[in-house]
Amino acid sequence: MSGSPIIQEDKLIGAVTHVFVNDPTSGYGGHIEWMLQEAEIK
């Protein structure tokens, strides 16, 4: 997994992939489900 993990209620739900330089409070993240599908993990 690339990026910083996103943890919610003690569960890994995704990762931050990009943060805007002009606004570090905004960016993009990927859901863990998408990562598992890409890795062909069920």
PDB file of N, CA and C in Angstrom:
ATOM      1  N   MET A   1       0.852  -1.158   0.000  1.00  0.00           N
ATOM      2  CA  MET A   1       0.000   0.000   0.000  1.00  0.00           C
ATOM      3  C   MET A   1       0.905   1.230   0.000  1.00  0.00           C
ATOM      4  N   SER A   2       0.574   2.158  -0.848  1.00  0.00           N
ATOM      5  CA  SER A   2       1.330   3.393  -0.921  1.00  0.00           C
ATOM      6  C   SER A   2       0.547   4.502  -0.229  1.00  0.00           C
ATOM      7  N   GLY A   3       1.222   5.357   0.463  1.00  0.00           N
ATOM      8  CA  GLY A   3       0.561   6.476   1.112  1.00  0.00           C
ATOM      9  C   GLY A   3       0.393   6.263   2.596  1.00  0.00           C
ATOM     10  N   SER A   4      -0.237   7.239   3.216  1.00  0.00           N
ATOM     11  CA  SER A   4      -0.481   7.173   4.655  1.00  0.00           C
ATOM     12  C   SER A   4      -1.812   6.482   4.926  1.00  0.00           C
ATOM     13  N   PRO A   5      -1.833   5.572   5.886  1.00  0.00           N
ATOM     14  CA  PRO A   5      -3.076   4.841   6.156  1.00  0.00           C
ATOM     15  C   PRO A   5      -4.182   5.741   6.696  1.00  0.00           C
ATOM     16  N   ILE A   6      -5.414   5.403   6.335  1.00  0.00           N
ATOM     17  CA  ILE A   6      -6.597   6.058   6.896  1.00  0.00           C
ATOM     18  C   ILE A   6      -7.247   5.034   7.820  1.00  0.00           C
ATOM     19  N   ILE A   7      -7.300   5.365   9.095  1.00  0.00           N
ATOM     20  CA  ILE A   7      -7.856   4.450  10.089  1.00  0.00           C
ATOM     21  C   ILE A   7      -9.097   5.089  10.687  1.00  0.00           C
ATOM     22  N   GLN A   8     -10.176   4.312  10.723  1.00  0.00           N
ATOM     23  CA  GLN A   8     -11.435   4.802  11.283  1.00  0.00           C
ATOM     24  C   GLN A   8     -12.005   3.716  12.183  1.00  0.00           C
ATOM     25  N   GLU A   9     -12.317   4.067  13.409  1.00  0.00           N
ATOM     26  CA  GLU A   9     -12.833   3.124  14.398  1.00  0.00           C
ATOM     27  C   GLU A   9     -11.946   1.873  14.498  1.00  0.00           C
ATOM     28  N   ASP A  10     -10.633   2.116  14.572  1.00  0.00           N
ATOM     29  CA  ASP A  10      -9.618   1.061  14.708  1.00  0.00           C
ATOM     30  C   ASP A  10      -9.570   0.097  13.523  1.00  0.00           C
ATOM     31  N   LYS A  11     -10.032   0.525  12.344  1.00  0.00           N
ATOM     32  CA  LYS A  11      -9.990  -0.311  11.139  1.00  0.00           C
ATOM     33  C   LYS A  11      -9.310   0.452  10.017  1.00  0.00           C
ATOM     34  N   LEU A  12      -8.491  -0.264   9.243  1.00  0.00           N
ATOM     35  CA  LEU A  12      -7.857   0.310   8.064  1.00  0.00           C
ATOM     36  C   LEU A  12      -8.902   0.406   6.969  1.00  0.00           C
ATOM     37  N   ILE A  13      -9.187   1.629   6.509  1.00  0.00           N
ATOM     38  CA  ILE A  13     -10.220   1.795   5.479  1.00  0.00           C
ATOM     39  C   ILE A  13      -9.658   2.307   4.162  1.00  0.00           C
ATOM     40  N   GLY A  14      -8.377   2.681   4.142  1.00  0.00           N
ATOM     41  CA  GLY A  14      -7.789   3.176   2.910  1.00  0.00           C
ATOM     42  C   GLY A  14      -6.446   3.836   3.164  1.00  0.00           C
ATOM     43  N   ALA A  15      -6.015   4.625   2.148  1.00  0.00           N
ATOM     44  CA  ALA A  15      -4.747   5.335   2.266  1.00  0.00           C
ATOM     45  C   ALA A  15      -4.833   6.665   1.537  1.00  0.00           C
ATOM     46  N   VAL A  16      -4.184   7.678   2.107  1.00  0.00           N
ATOM     47  CA  VAL A  16      -4.072   8.976   1.450  1.00  0.00           C
ATOM     48  C   VAL A  16      -2.999   8.823   0.378  1.00  0.00           C
ATOM     49  N   THR A  17      -3.341   9.204  -0.860  1.00  0.00           N
ATOM     50  CA  THR A  17      -2.380   9.060  -1.948  1.00  0.00           C
ATOM     51  C   THR A  17      -1.781  10.377  -2.392  1.00  0.00           C
ATOM     52  N   HIS A  18      -2.553  11.452  -2.351  1.00  0.00           N
ATOM     53  CA  HIS A  18      -2.075  12.777  -2.765  1.00  0.00           C
ATOM     54  C   HIS A  18      -2.674  13.839  -1.854  1.00  0.00           C
ATOM     55  N   VAL A  19      -1.878  14.849  -1.547  1.00  0.00           N
ATOM     56  CA  VAL A  19      -2.366  16.012  -0.812  1.00  0.00           C
ATOM     57  C   VAL A  19      -1.955  17.236  -1.616  1.00  0.00           C
ATOM     58  N   PHE A  20      -2.848  18.197  -1.738  1.00  0.00           N
ATOM     59  CA  PHE A  20      -2.542  19.402  -2.496  1.00  0.00           C
ATOM     60  C   PHE A  20      -1.583  20.290  -1.710  1.00  0.00           C
ATOM     61  N   VAL A  21      -0.537  20.774  -2.372  1.00  0.00           N
ATOM     62  CA  VAL A  21       0.461  21.623  -1.712  1.00  0.00           C
ATOM     63  C   VAL A  21      -0.178  22.922  -1.228  1.00  0.00           C
ATOM     64  N   ASN A  22      -1.069  23.490  -2.038  1.00  0.00           N
ATOM     65  CA  ASN A  22      -1.698  24.759  -1.663  1.00  0.00           C
ATOM     66  C   ASN A  22      -2.735  24.609  -0.559  1.00  0.00           C
ATOM     67  N   ASP A  23      -3.236  23.377  -0.354  1.00  0.00           N
ATOM     68  CA  ASP A  23      -4.263  23.133   0.659  1.00  0.00           C
ATOM     69  C   ASP A  23      -4.060  21.744   1.255  1.00  0.00           C
ATOM     70  N   PRO A  24      -3.216  21.611   2.273  1.00  0.00           N
ATOM     71  CA  PRO A  24      -2.915  20.295   2.839  1.00  0.00           C
ATOM     72  C   PRO A  24      -4.101  19.611   3.507  1.00  0.00           C
ATOM     73  N   THR A  25      -5.236  20.308   3.611  1.00  0.00           N
ATOM     74  CA  THR A  25      -6.425  19.661   4.174  1.00  0.00           C
ATOM     75  C   THR A  25      -7.243  18.950   3.100  1.00  0.00           C
ATOM     76  N   SER A  26      -6.836  19.080   1.832  1.00  0.00           N
ATOM     77  CA  SER A  26      -7.546  18.428   0.722  1.00  0.00           C
ATOM     78  C   SER A  26      -6.592  17.506  -0.034  1.00  0.00           C
ATOM     79  N   GLY A  27      -7.146  16.464  -0.596  1.00  0.00           N
ATOM     80  CA  GLY A  27      -6.328  15.538  -1.369  1.00  0.00           C
ATOM     81  C   GLY A  27      -7.155  14.363  -1.840  1.00  0.00           C
ATOM     82  N   TYR A  28      -6.481  13.288  -2.194  1.00  0.00           N
ATOM     83  CA  TYR A  28      -7.117  12.077  -2.697  1.00  0.00           C
ATOM     84  C   TYR A  28      -6.741  10.891  -1.820  1.00  0.00           C
ATOM     85  N   GLY A  29      -7.662   9.963  -1.731  1.00  0.00           N
ATOM     86  CA  GLY A  29      -7.404   8.739  -1.004  1.00  0.00           C
ATOM     87  C   GLY A  29      -7.958   7.555  -1.766  1.00  0.00           C
ATOM     88  N   GLY A  30      -7.483   6.376  -1.428  1.00  0.00           N
ATOM     89  CA  GLY A  30      -7.983   5.155  -2.044  1.00  0.00           C
ATOM     90  C   GLY A  30      -8.619   4.269  -0.992  1.00  0.00           C
ATOM     91  N   HIS A  31      -9.761   3.678  -1.322  1.00  0.00           N
ATOM     92  CA  HIS A  31     -10.437   2.759  -0.402  1.00  0.00           C
ATOM     93  C   HIS A  31      -9.691   1.428  -0.348  1.00  0.00           C
ATOM     94  N   ILE A  32      -9.684   0.800   0.795  1.00  0.00           N
ATOM     95  CA  ILE A  32      -9.013  -0.489   0.955  1.00  0.00           C
ATOM     96  C   ILE A  32      -9.615  -1.534   0.021  1.00  0.00           C
ATOM     97  N   GLU A  33     -10.920  -1.443  -0.239  1.00  0.00           N
ATOM     98  CA  GLU A  33     -11.568  -2.404  -1.143  1.00  0.00           C
ATOM     99  C   GLU A  33     -10.951  -2.333  -2.537  1.00  0.00           C
ATOM    100  N   TRP A  34     -10.658  -1.117  -3.015  1.00  0.00           N
ATOM    101  CA  TRP A  34     -10.033  -0.957  -4.333  1.00  0.00           C
ATOM    102  C   TRP A  34      -8.644  -1.587  -4.346  1.00  0.00           C
ATOM    103  N   MET A  35      -7.880  -1.386  -3.270  1.00  0.00           N
ATOM    104  CA  MET A  35      -6.529  -1.943  -3.201  1.00  0.00           C
ATOM    105  C   MET A  35      -6.560  -3.470  -3.183  1.00  0.00           C
ATOM    106  N   LEU A  36      -7.503  -4.033  -2.433  1.00  0.00           N
ATOM    107  CA  LEU A  36      -7.611  -5.486  -2.363  1.00  0.00           C
ATOM    108  C   LEU A  36      -8.017  -6.062  -3.706  1.00  0.00           C
ATOM    109  N   GLN A  37      -8.919  -5.393  -4.431  1.00  0.00           N
ATOM    110  CA  GLN A  37      -9.340  -5.863  -5.761  1.00  0.00           C
ATOM    111  C   GLN A  37      -8.151  -5.831  -6.722  1.00  0.00           C
ATOM    112  N   GLU A  38      -7.384  -4.751  -6.708  1.00  0.00           N
ATOM    113  CA  GLU A  38      -6.213  -4.630  -7.599  1.00  0.00           C
ATOM    114  C   GLU A  38      -5.185  -5.714  -7.305  1.00  0.00           C
ATOM    115  N   ALA A  39      -5.046  -6.059  -6.037  1.00  0.00           N
ATOM    116  CA  ALA A  39      -4.084  -7.087  -5.632  1.00  0.00           C
ATOM    117  C   ALA A  39      -4.661  -8.497  -5.758  1.00  0.00           C
ATOM    118  N   GLU A  40      -5.923  -8.561  -6.204  1.00  0.00           N
ATOM    119  CA  GLU A  40      -6.648  -9.837  -6.344  1.00  0.00           C
ATOM    120  C   GLU A  40      -6.707 -10.605  -5.028  1.00  0.00           C
ATOM    121  N   ILE A  41      -6.938  -9.855  -3.943  1.00  0.00           N
ATOM    122  CA  ILE A  41      -7.106 -10.447  -2.616  1.00  0.00           C
ATOM    123  C   ILE A  41      -8.585 -10.372  -2.275  1.00  0.00           C
ATOM    124  N   LYS A  42      -9.147 -11.482  -1.865  1.00  0.00           N
ATOM    125  CA  LYS A  42     -10.584 -11.498  -1.552  1.00  0.00           C
ATOM    126  C   LYS A  42     -10.821 -11.613  -0.071  1.00  0.00           C
TER     127      LYS A  42
END
